[in-house]
Structures are given as C-alpha cells and as structure tokens.
Amino acid sequence: MSSISMDAPIVKINSFGLQNIISFIYTHEGILKEFGAIKIQLSSDCTLALKKRKISPTCTTTQKITKLNDDESIYSVDKVEAQNLCNEQRSPITDEKTFWSSLSNSDHIFYLSNVSILPNQTLFYKKQHRKYFAIHSIPRQSLLKLAGSKIVNQFVPCLTRTHGPGAVFPLSSAQQHLSLLVYHHQGSPRHWYIIPAYERDALTKILQRENSSICFEHQKLLINPLLFDNYHIRYHRLVQCQNEFVVLSAGALTQSFTEDASWNESIPFALPSWIEDGHAYYSDSTCQCCINNFYEPITIDITLFTHELIQKYIDKYLNIDNDGNTSINKG
C-alpha cells in the first residue's frame, strides 16, 4: 500500500450535535478510525462555557531536539529546564515547510522550544445549562461512565500553553490508548500528523530497522513525514485553528507543532471500540519511560465493561437522532 498523506476529514457540528458530542463522534467513528482523527468546526449557534481570564503558566519545560540518523528523518526529544531560554530568538514558522527546514538546517543538537503543561487546569466553566459546552463532562458522557464516578472523576482536562514559534508535541498516543478531544482556545495554528492505530505494527518495524529503540508512545520522538512516505506508512495531516476541535481515535499516534504561541486543552474519553478493538488491554509494562512525566495511570477494572452493559450504554446514550452534522469534507 502506498503512503497516504491527505488531510484528515473536517466535520461541521451545530448546537444539538455539540450538546450530544459523544453520540455525534460515535456516528462518525468509521471515518475517525480510518483516518485516526477528525476535525470539528462549530456552527454559529454553538455556545461554549469559556472563561475570559487566562491562567498564568507556572511550570515551563524546554525541549532539546537531537538528530538520530544521517538522513535527518528521526529526532529524539528531551525535556530540560527552561531557565534563560524563554527569550531566545527563533525563526518564524509559517507552515510545515519552514518548520522542517528549521530542523534540518540546524546543528546536530539544537532547537529549544518552550511548552507549559498544566494538568487539571481548564479555561472552561463547569456548565450550568445544557446549551453551554464545557469539556469537564466528556469522560462522564463516554463509555468510561461504566467504570463509576470514582474513576471518571480522575479524568480531568489538561491545558497546554506554547511559547513562541515551532513548539513541538512529539509522537505519542493518548493516555491508556483512549480517544482524545482537543480544543484550540487561542493563538497560532497547530499542525498535526496522525497515524491510525492499524499502522502501529508497521511503524514499529520501521523504527527497529532504523535502529531506534526509543519509545514512540510517550513524547520521545519526532519523525519527519518523509520517512512515512518512504516506507509507505499511511498518515494524515490536519491544521487546527482557533475555536476548532480535533478528535483522536483510540490507539492513534500523533505528533504536532505550533506556528507560534497558543492555548490548547484536551481530555480523554472512551467509545465502545476502546473495548471492542482491544485498546483497553494495552499495557505500558514493557516501556522504560517514566510514565508519570506524562500522566498518572488510572487503574480501570476492564471487567466492568461487559458486552451487555456496553450495548445498554449504546442504546441509551449513543443511538440518538443526531442532526448535528451538516457536512463532511475529506482532504
């Protein structure tokens, strides 16, 4: 199969669809799994429960990027202290061409970009009326509700602030291979590269062939998409702008960068396929990464997700006459 690098689909949503967004996503799960992600654009009648005052980042990390091979297709990403680096002048990033050029034209060890990760912080109010969307309720609306309130309450939003041109989000999958909802609050576009879950095995073999033993699950690698092209790995591009959602499918791998400063917010959730396709059974036990640097693993009793309870959940919460979709555009 030749590589496919067209854009991921764009789906339009209205206020009814936004109020029932998990059901809305479920109705589009076929294309979500095929492409690994979809972008959701809001219609003018959608209302969000947004705070006006921003949160001041208190902990900033700087990424040191190192070339791992001669053809400049694989880079390792390490976190270092951000002191004295915030004001470093960096070339403007206007598109993916200038981003990858800035990497290839630099020294062997190079490129410092600042990112603030703020777990359990949000720019959404907890909604007081159904018509106002707030991100907090997403895990509870999803299949995770079968695990009970004690577990669901542990899945909280994560706010991300990027500082300046070319901030990098290295290759990773969502926490515990769940799906992920990402909202772009403010700032420059975010450029995504999405590898669907069914390409994982192929990518693993390629990285082994390239003599890279670094984990690709937990933000340790950045890969030039030319490598995907050369090895015929299917992947998709997506550019996320302000006031847009990106939905990542369970088990998908993604990497991204921002053109300049921005605010983004994300939260994990589960669709029935998280169980049905086996993503819930993935274990980090063989990984040498310090997982706590990324998230605190949450113990979920998978036996609670019986076939009967999943079907009842689908019938009650997902099989809604959803008129939230106005159009779908495939890249």
Protein backbone atom coordinates (compact mmCIF):
# COMPACT_ATOMS: atom_id res chain seq x y z
CA MET A 1 0.00 0.00 0.00
CA SER A 2 1.41 3.38 -0.93
CA SER A 3 1.53 6.10 1.71
CA ILE A 4 -1.48 8.36 2.03
CA SER A 5 -0.87 11.87 3.34
CA MET A 6 -4.09 13.68 2.53
CA ASP A 7 -5.80 15.78 5.17
CA ALA A 8 -7.99 14.20 7.83
CA PRO A 9 -11.74 14.85 7.40
CA ILE A 10 -13.46 18.03 8.57
CA VAL A 11 -16.91 17.65 10.14
CA LYS A 12 -19.31 20.52 10.82
CA ILE A 13 -21.37 20.47 14.01
CA ASN A 14 -24.35 22.52 15.21
CA SER A 15 -25.56 23.21 18.76
CA PHE A 16 -27.56 19.97 19.01
CA GLY A 17 -24.58 17.92 17.92
CA LEU A 18 -22.33 19.77 20.39
CA GLN A 19 -24.74 19.08 23.25
CA ASN A 20 -24.53 15.38 22.36
CA ILE A 21 -20.93 15.37 21.18
CA ILE A 22 -20.04 11.80 22.21
CA SER A 23 -23.04 10.49 20.26
CA PHE A 24 -22.01 12.78 17.39
CA ILE A 25 -18.47 11.39 17.38
CA TYR A 26 -19.82 7.84 17.58
CA THR A 27 -21.85 8.36 14.40
CA HIS A 28 -18.60 9.33 12.63
CA GLU A 29 -16.48 6.58 14.16
CA GLY A 30 -15.96 4.87 10.81
CA ILE A 31 -14.00 7.79 9.35
CA LEU A 32 -12.44 8.53 12.74
CA LYS A 33 -10.86 5.07 12.87
CA GLU A 34 -9.91 5.13 9.19
CA PHE A 35 -8.06 8.45 9.40
CA GLY A 36 -7.09 8.37 13.09
CA ALA A 37 -8.60 11.81 13.64
CA ILE A 38 -11.28 14.24 12.55
CA LYS A 39 -11.53 18.00 12.88
CA ILE A 40 -14.80 19.50 14.11
CA GLN A 41 -15.77 23.03 13.12
CA LEU A 42 -18.52 24.79 15.08
CA SER A 43 -21.56 26.42 13.53
CA SER A 44 -22.60 29.90 14.64
CA ASP A 45 -25.28 28.58 17.04
CA CYS A 46 -22.76 26.70 19.21
CA THR A 47 -22.06 28.21 22.64
CA LEU A 48 -19.12 27.39 24.92
CA ALA A 49 -18.79 27.99 28.66
CA LEU A 50 -15.44 29.78 28.38
CA LYS A 51 -13.60 31.80 31.00
CA LYS A 52 -12.34 35.22 29.97
CA ARG A 53 -9.26 35.29 32.18
CA LYS A 54 -6.28 33.17 31.18
CA ILE A 55 -4.19 31.07 33.57
CA SER A 56 -0.56 32.05 34.16
CA PRO A 57 1.77 29.12 33.41
CA THR A 58 3.92 28.32 36.45
CA CYS A 59 5.99 25.45 35.08
CA THR A 60 7.60 25.60 31.66
CA THR A 61 9.70 22.89 30.05
CA THR A 62 12.07 23.35 27.14
CA GLN A 63 12.59 20.67 24.51
CA LYS A 64 16.05 19.74 23.25
CA ILE A 65 15.85 18.06 19.86
CA THR A 66 18.64 15.82 18.60
CA LYS A 67 19.11 14.25 15.17
CA LEU A 68 19.32 10.47 15.45
CA ASN A 69 20.19 9.47 11.90
CA ASP A 70 22.10 10.83 8.94
CA ASP A 71 19.11 11.38 6.69
CA GLU A 72 17.56 13.71 9.31
CA SER A 73 14.24 11.87 9.46
CA ILE A 74 14.18 10.87 13.15
CA TYR A 75 14.79 13.17 16.12
CA SER A 76 14.81 12.49 19.85
CA VAL A 77 13.09 14.98 22.15
CA ASP A 78 14.26 15.55 25.72
CA LYS A 79 12.96 17.93 28.35
CA VAL A 80 15.37 20.36 30.00
CA GLU A 81 14.97 23.22 32.42
CA ALA A 82 13.56 26.32 30.78
CA GLN A 83 15.62 28.92 32.63
CA ASN A 84 17.29 31.59 30.48
CA LEU A 85 15.82 30.12 27.30
CA CYS A 86 12.42 31.76 27.01
CA ASN A 87 13.70 34.83 25.22
CA GLU A 88 15.87 33.04 22.68
CA GLN A 89 15.23 34.30 19.16
CA ARG A 90 13.80 31.70 16.83
CA SER A 91 12.98 31.85 13.15
CA PRO A 92 9.30 32.39 12.31
CA ILE A 93 7.31 29.26 11.44
CA THR A 94 4.66 29.90 8.80
CA ASP A 95 3.92 26.38 7.54
CA GLU A 96 5.24 22.82 7.70
CA LYS A 97 7.95 23.54 5.12
CA THR A 98 9.57 26.23 7.26
CA PHE A 99 9.22 24.06 10.36
CA TRP A 100 11.07 21.04 8.95
CA SER A 101 13.62 23.30 7.26
CA SER A 102 14.39 24.92 10.61
CA LEU A 103 15.22 21.47 11.98
CA SER A 104 17.29 20.18 9.08
CA ASN A 105 19.32 23.40 8.83
CA SER A 106 20.33 23.36 12.50
CA ASP A 107 23.22 21.66 14.27
CA HIS A 108 23.17 18.05 15.48
CA ILE A 109 21.76 19.04 18.88
CA PHE A 110 19.52 22.05 18.66
CA TYR A 111 16.15 23.72 18.75
CA LEU A 112 14.74 24.83 22.04
CA SER A 113 11.00 25.37 22.31
CA ASN A 114 9.02 26.12 25.43
CA VAL A 115 5.78 24.39 26.41
CA SER A 116 3.79 24.67 29.64
CA ILE A 117 1.70 21.61 30.55
CA LEU A 118 -0.99 22.39 33.14
CA PRO A 119 -2.78 19.20 34.29
CA ASN A 120 -6.21 19.63 35.87
CA GLN A 121 -6.39 23.23 34.64
CA THR A 122 -9.09 24.47 32.30
CA LEU A 123 -10.41 27.55 30.52
CA PHE A 124 -13.97 26.16 30.62
CA TYR A 125 -16.50 26.81 33.36
CA LYS A 126 -18.39 23.78 34.55
CA LYS A 127 -21.54 24.23 32.53
CA GLN A 128 -24.69 25.39 34.28
CA HIS A 129 -27.00 24.87 31.33
CA ARG A 130 -27.06 22.14 28.73
CA LYS A 131 -26.72 24.58 25.85
CA TYR A 132 -23.24 25.67 27.02
CA PHE A 133 -20.49 23.20 26.19
CA ALA A 134 -17.89 22.50 28.89
CA ILE A 135 -15.13 19.97 28.49
CA HIS A 136 -15.35 18.53 32.02
CA SER A 137 -18.39 16.37 31.25
CA ILE A 138 -16.82 14.50 28.31
CA PRO A 139 -15.44 11.45 30.23
CA ARG A 140 -18.75 11.03 32.07
CA GLN A 141 -20.71 11.13 28.81
CA SER A 142 -18.43 8.48 27.33
CA LEU A 143 -18.13 4.74 27.90
CA LEU A 144 -15.92 5.49 30.91
CA LYS A 145 -19.10 6.12 32.90
CA LEU A 146 -19.41 2.32 33.26
CA ALA A 147 -16.31 2.39 35.48
CA GLY A 148 -18.14 4.52 38.08
CA SER A 149 -17.81 8.08 39.36
CA LYS A 150 -14.65 7.44 41.38
CA ILE A 151 -12.78 6.50 38.21
CA VAL A 152 -14.44 9.00 35.88
CA ASN A 153 -13.61 11.91 38.19
CA GLN A 154 -9.90 11.16 37.78
CA PHE A 155 -10.05 12.02 34.07
CA VAL A 156 -9.59 15.79 34.03
CA PRO A 157 -8.74 18.43 31.43
CA CYS A 158 -5.15 19.33 30.64
CA LEU A 159 -4.29 22.84 29.47
CA THR A 160 -1.26 23.44 27.26
CA ARG A 161 0.45 26.75 26.56
CA THR A 162 3.10 27.03 23.82
CA HIS A 163 5.54 29.93 23.91
CA GLY A 164 6.78 31.13 20.56
CA PRO A 165 7.47 29.62 17.13
CA GLY A 166 7.79 25.92 16.48
CA ALA A 167 6.75 24.42 19.82
CA VAL A 168 6.70 20.65 19.43
CA PHE A 169 4.33 17.92 20.62
CA PRO A 170 6.38 14.74 19.96
CA LEU A 171 4.99 11.42 18.79
CA SER A 172 2.61 9.87 21.31
CA SER A 173 -0.72 8.19 21.85
CA ALA A 174 -3.41 9.34 24.24
CA GLN A 175 -3.43 8.25 27.85
CA GLN A 176 -4.09 4.49 28.11
CA HIS A 177 -4.89 4.41 24.38
CA LEU A 178 -8.16 6.27 24.93
CA SER A 179 -9.68 8.69 22.47
CA LEU A 180 -8.83 12.36 22.98
CA LEU A 181 -10.77 15.58 22.46
CA VAL A 182 -8.57 18.66 21.87
CA TYR A 183 -9.89 22.23 21.76
CA HIS A 184 -7.86 25.14 20.34
CA HIS A 185 -8.59 28.15 22.54
CA GLN A 186 -6.38 30.84 21.12
CA GLY A 187 -3.24 31.56 19.13
CA SER A 188 -1.43 30.22 16.11
CA PRO A 189 -2.43 27.14 14.08
CA ARG A 190 -1.38 23.70 15.26
CA HIS A 191 -0.14 21.30 12.55
CA TRP A 192 -0.93 17.63 13.22
CA TYR A 193 0.38 14.39 11.72
CA ILE A 194 -1.86 11.43 12.56
CA ILE A 195 -1.00 7.75 12.17
CA PRO A 196 -4.07 5.49 12.50
CA ALA A 197 -3.92 2.67 15.05
CA TYR A 198 -3.75 -0.03 12.37
CA GLU A 199 -0.34 1.33 11.21
CA ARG A 200 1.30 0.82 14.60
CA ASP A 201 2.92 -2.54 13.81
CA ALA A 202 4.34 -1.25 10.53
CA LEU A 203 5.82 1.79 12.26
CA THR A 204 7.35 -0.39 14.98
CA LYS A 205 9.16 -2.50 12.37
CA ILE A 206 10.45 0.60 10.58
CA LEU A 207 11.85 2.13 13.76
CA GLN A 208 13.56 -1.16 14.56
CA ARG A 209 15.03 -1.15 11.05
CA GLU A 210 16.26 2.40 11.67
CA ASN A 211 17.93 1.13 14.87
CA SER A 212 15.78 3.34 17.05
CA SER A 213 14.89 1.74 20.38
CA ILE A 214 13.29 4.91 21.74
CA CYS A 215 9.64 4.60 22.74
CA PHE A 216 7.18 6.19 20.31
CA GLU A 217 4.31 6.20 22.82
CA HIS A 218 5.34 8.92 25.24
CA GLN A 219 6.69 12.03 23.52
CA LYS A 220 10.27 10.88 22.95
CA LEU A 221 10.44 11.02 19.13
CA LEU A 222 9.72 13.44 16.32
CA ILE A 223 9.62 11.95 12.82
CA ASN A 224 9.88 13.79 9.53
CA PRO A 225 6.85 12.72 7.43
CA LEU A 226 9.24 11.92 4.57
CA LEU A 227 10.02 8.72 6.48
CA PHE A 228 6.33 7.77 6.37
CA ASP A 229 6.33 8.42 2.63
CA ASN A 230 9.48 6.38 2.06
CA TYR A 231 8.13 3.36 3.93
CA HIS A 232 4.52 3.68 2.72
CA ILE A 233 3.05 4.36 6.15
CA ARG A 234 -0.45 5.77 5.97
CA TYR A 235 -0.74 9.09 7.79
CA HIS A 236 -2.86 12.21 7.60
CA ARG A 237 -2.30 15.91 8.04
CA LEU A 238 -4.56 18.31 9.87
CA VAL A 239 -4.26 22.02 10.67
CA GLN A 240 -6.22 23.08 13.76
CA CYS A 241 -7.13 26.73 14.21
CA GLN A 242 -8.75 28.72 16.99
CA ASN A 243 -12.24 27.56 18.07
CA GLU A 244 -11.86 24.13 16.44
CA PHE A 245 -11.91 20.65 17.97
CA VAL A 246 -9.71 17.73 16.99
CA VAL A 247 -10.82 14.22 17.92
CA LEU A 248 -8.15 11.50 18.05
CA SER A 249 -9.23 7.87 17.77
CA ALA A 250 -8.25 5.23 20.31
CA GLY A 251 -4.73 3.93 19.71
CA ALA A 252 -3.81 6.56 17.12
CA LEU A 253 -0.32 8.06 17.16
CA THR A 254 0.12 11.79 16.64
CA GLN A 255 2.78 14.46 16.56
CA SER A 256 2.29 18.18 16.04
CA PHE A 257 3.82 21.64 16.19
CA THR A 258 2.51 25.18 16.51
CA GLU A 259 3.48 28.13 14.34
CA ASP A 260 3.66 30.42 17.38
CA ALA A 261 2.20 30.88 20.87
CA SER A 262 -1.13 29.16 21.54
CA TRP A 263 -3.52 27.75 24.14
CA ASN A 264 -4.93 24.23 23.76
CA GLU A 265 -6.95 22.00 26.08
CA SER A 266 -7.57 18.25 25.97
CA ILE A 267 -9.44 15.50 27.78
CA PRO A 268 -9.59 11.70 27.24
CA PHE A 269 -12.75 9.68 26.72
CA ALA A 270 -13.82 6.24 25.52
CA LEU A 271 -16.09 4.91 22.80
CA PRO A 272 -17.27 1.26 22.76
CA SER A 273 -14.48 0.40 20.31
CA TRP A 274 -11.94 1.10 23.07
CA ILE A 275 -13.03 -2.26 24.48
CA GLU A 276 -14.16 -3.97 21.29
CA ASP A 277 -10.92 -3.29 19.39
CA GLY A 278 -8.68 -4.23 22.31
CA HIS A 279 -7.17 -0.81 23.06
CA ALA A 280 -8.20 -1.04 26.72
CA TYR A 281 -5.92 -4.04 27.19
CA TYR A 282 -2.72 -2.23 26.18
CA SER A 283 -0.09 -2.22 28.91
CA ASP A 284 2.84 0.14 29.47
CA SER A 285 4.64 -2.54 31.49
CA THR A 286 7.38 -3.10 28.89
CA CYS A 287 8.02 0.61 28.36
CA GLN A 288 11.10 2.13 30.02
CA CYS A 289 9.68 5.67 30.03
CA CYS A 290 8.82 7.41 33.25
CA ILE A 291 5.08 7.47 32.60
CA ASN A 292 4.41 9.83 35.48
CA ASN A 293 6.09 12.57 33.47
CA PHE A 294 3.11 12.45 31.13
CA TYR A 295 0.15 11.27 33.18
CA GLU A 296 -0.66 9.24 36.25
CA PRO A 297 -2.00 5.89 35.02
CA ILE A 298 -5.54 5.27 36.23
CA THR A 299 -6.45 1.73 37.19
CA ILE A 300 -9.66 0.75 35.41
CA ASP A 301 -11.42 -2.55 36.05
CA ILE A 302 -11.99 -3.72 32.48
CA THR A 303 -14.32 -6.50 33.67
CA LEU A 304 -16.94 -3.81 34.35
CA PHE A 305 -17.29 -3.29 30.60
CA THR A 306 -19.41 -6.32 29.79
CA HIS A 307 -20.99 -6.78 26.38
CA GLU A 308 -24.46 -6.36 27.88
CA LEU A 309 -23.61 -3.10 29.67
CA ILE A 310 -21.85 -1.70 26.61
CA GLN A 311 -24.91 -2.42 24.47
CA LYS A 312 -27.21 -0.78 27.03
CA TYR A 313 -24.93 2.26 27.05
CA ILE A 314 -25.04 2.44 23.24
CA ASP A 315 -28.82 2.14 23.16
CA LYS A 316 -29.37 4.76 25.85
CA TYR A 317 -26.68 7.35 25.15
CA LEU A 318 -25.31 6.93 21.62
CA ASN A 319 -28.26 5.95 19.44
CA ILE A 320 -29.61 9.49 19.31
CA ASP A 321 -31.22 11.01 16.23
CA ASN A 322 -28.26 13.29 15.74
CA ASP A 323 -28.76 16.17 13.34
CA GLY A 324 -25.52 17.84 14.38
CA ASN A 325 -23.71 17.02 11.15
CA THR A 326 -24.04 19.48 8.31
CA SER A 327 -21.23 18.26 6.07
CA ILE A 328 -18.08 16.16 5.90
CA ASN A 329 -15.06 17.22 3.87
CA LYS A 330 -12.26 14.74 3.21
CA GLY A 331 -8.86 16.09 2.33
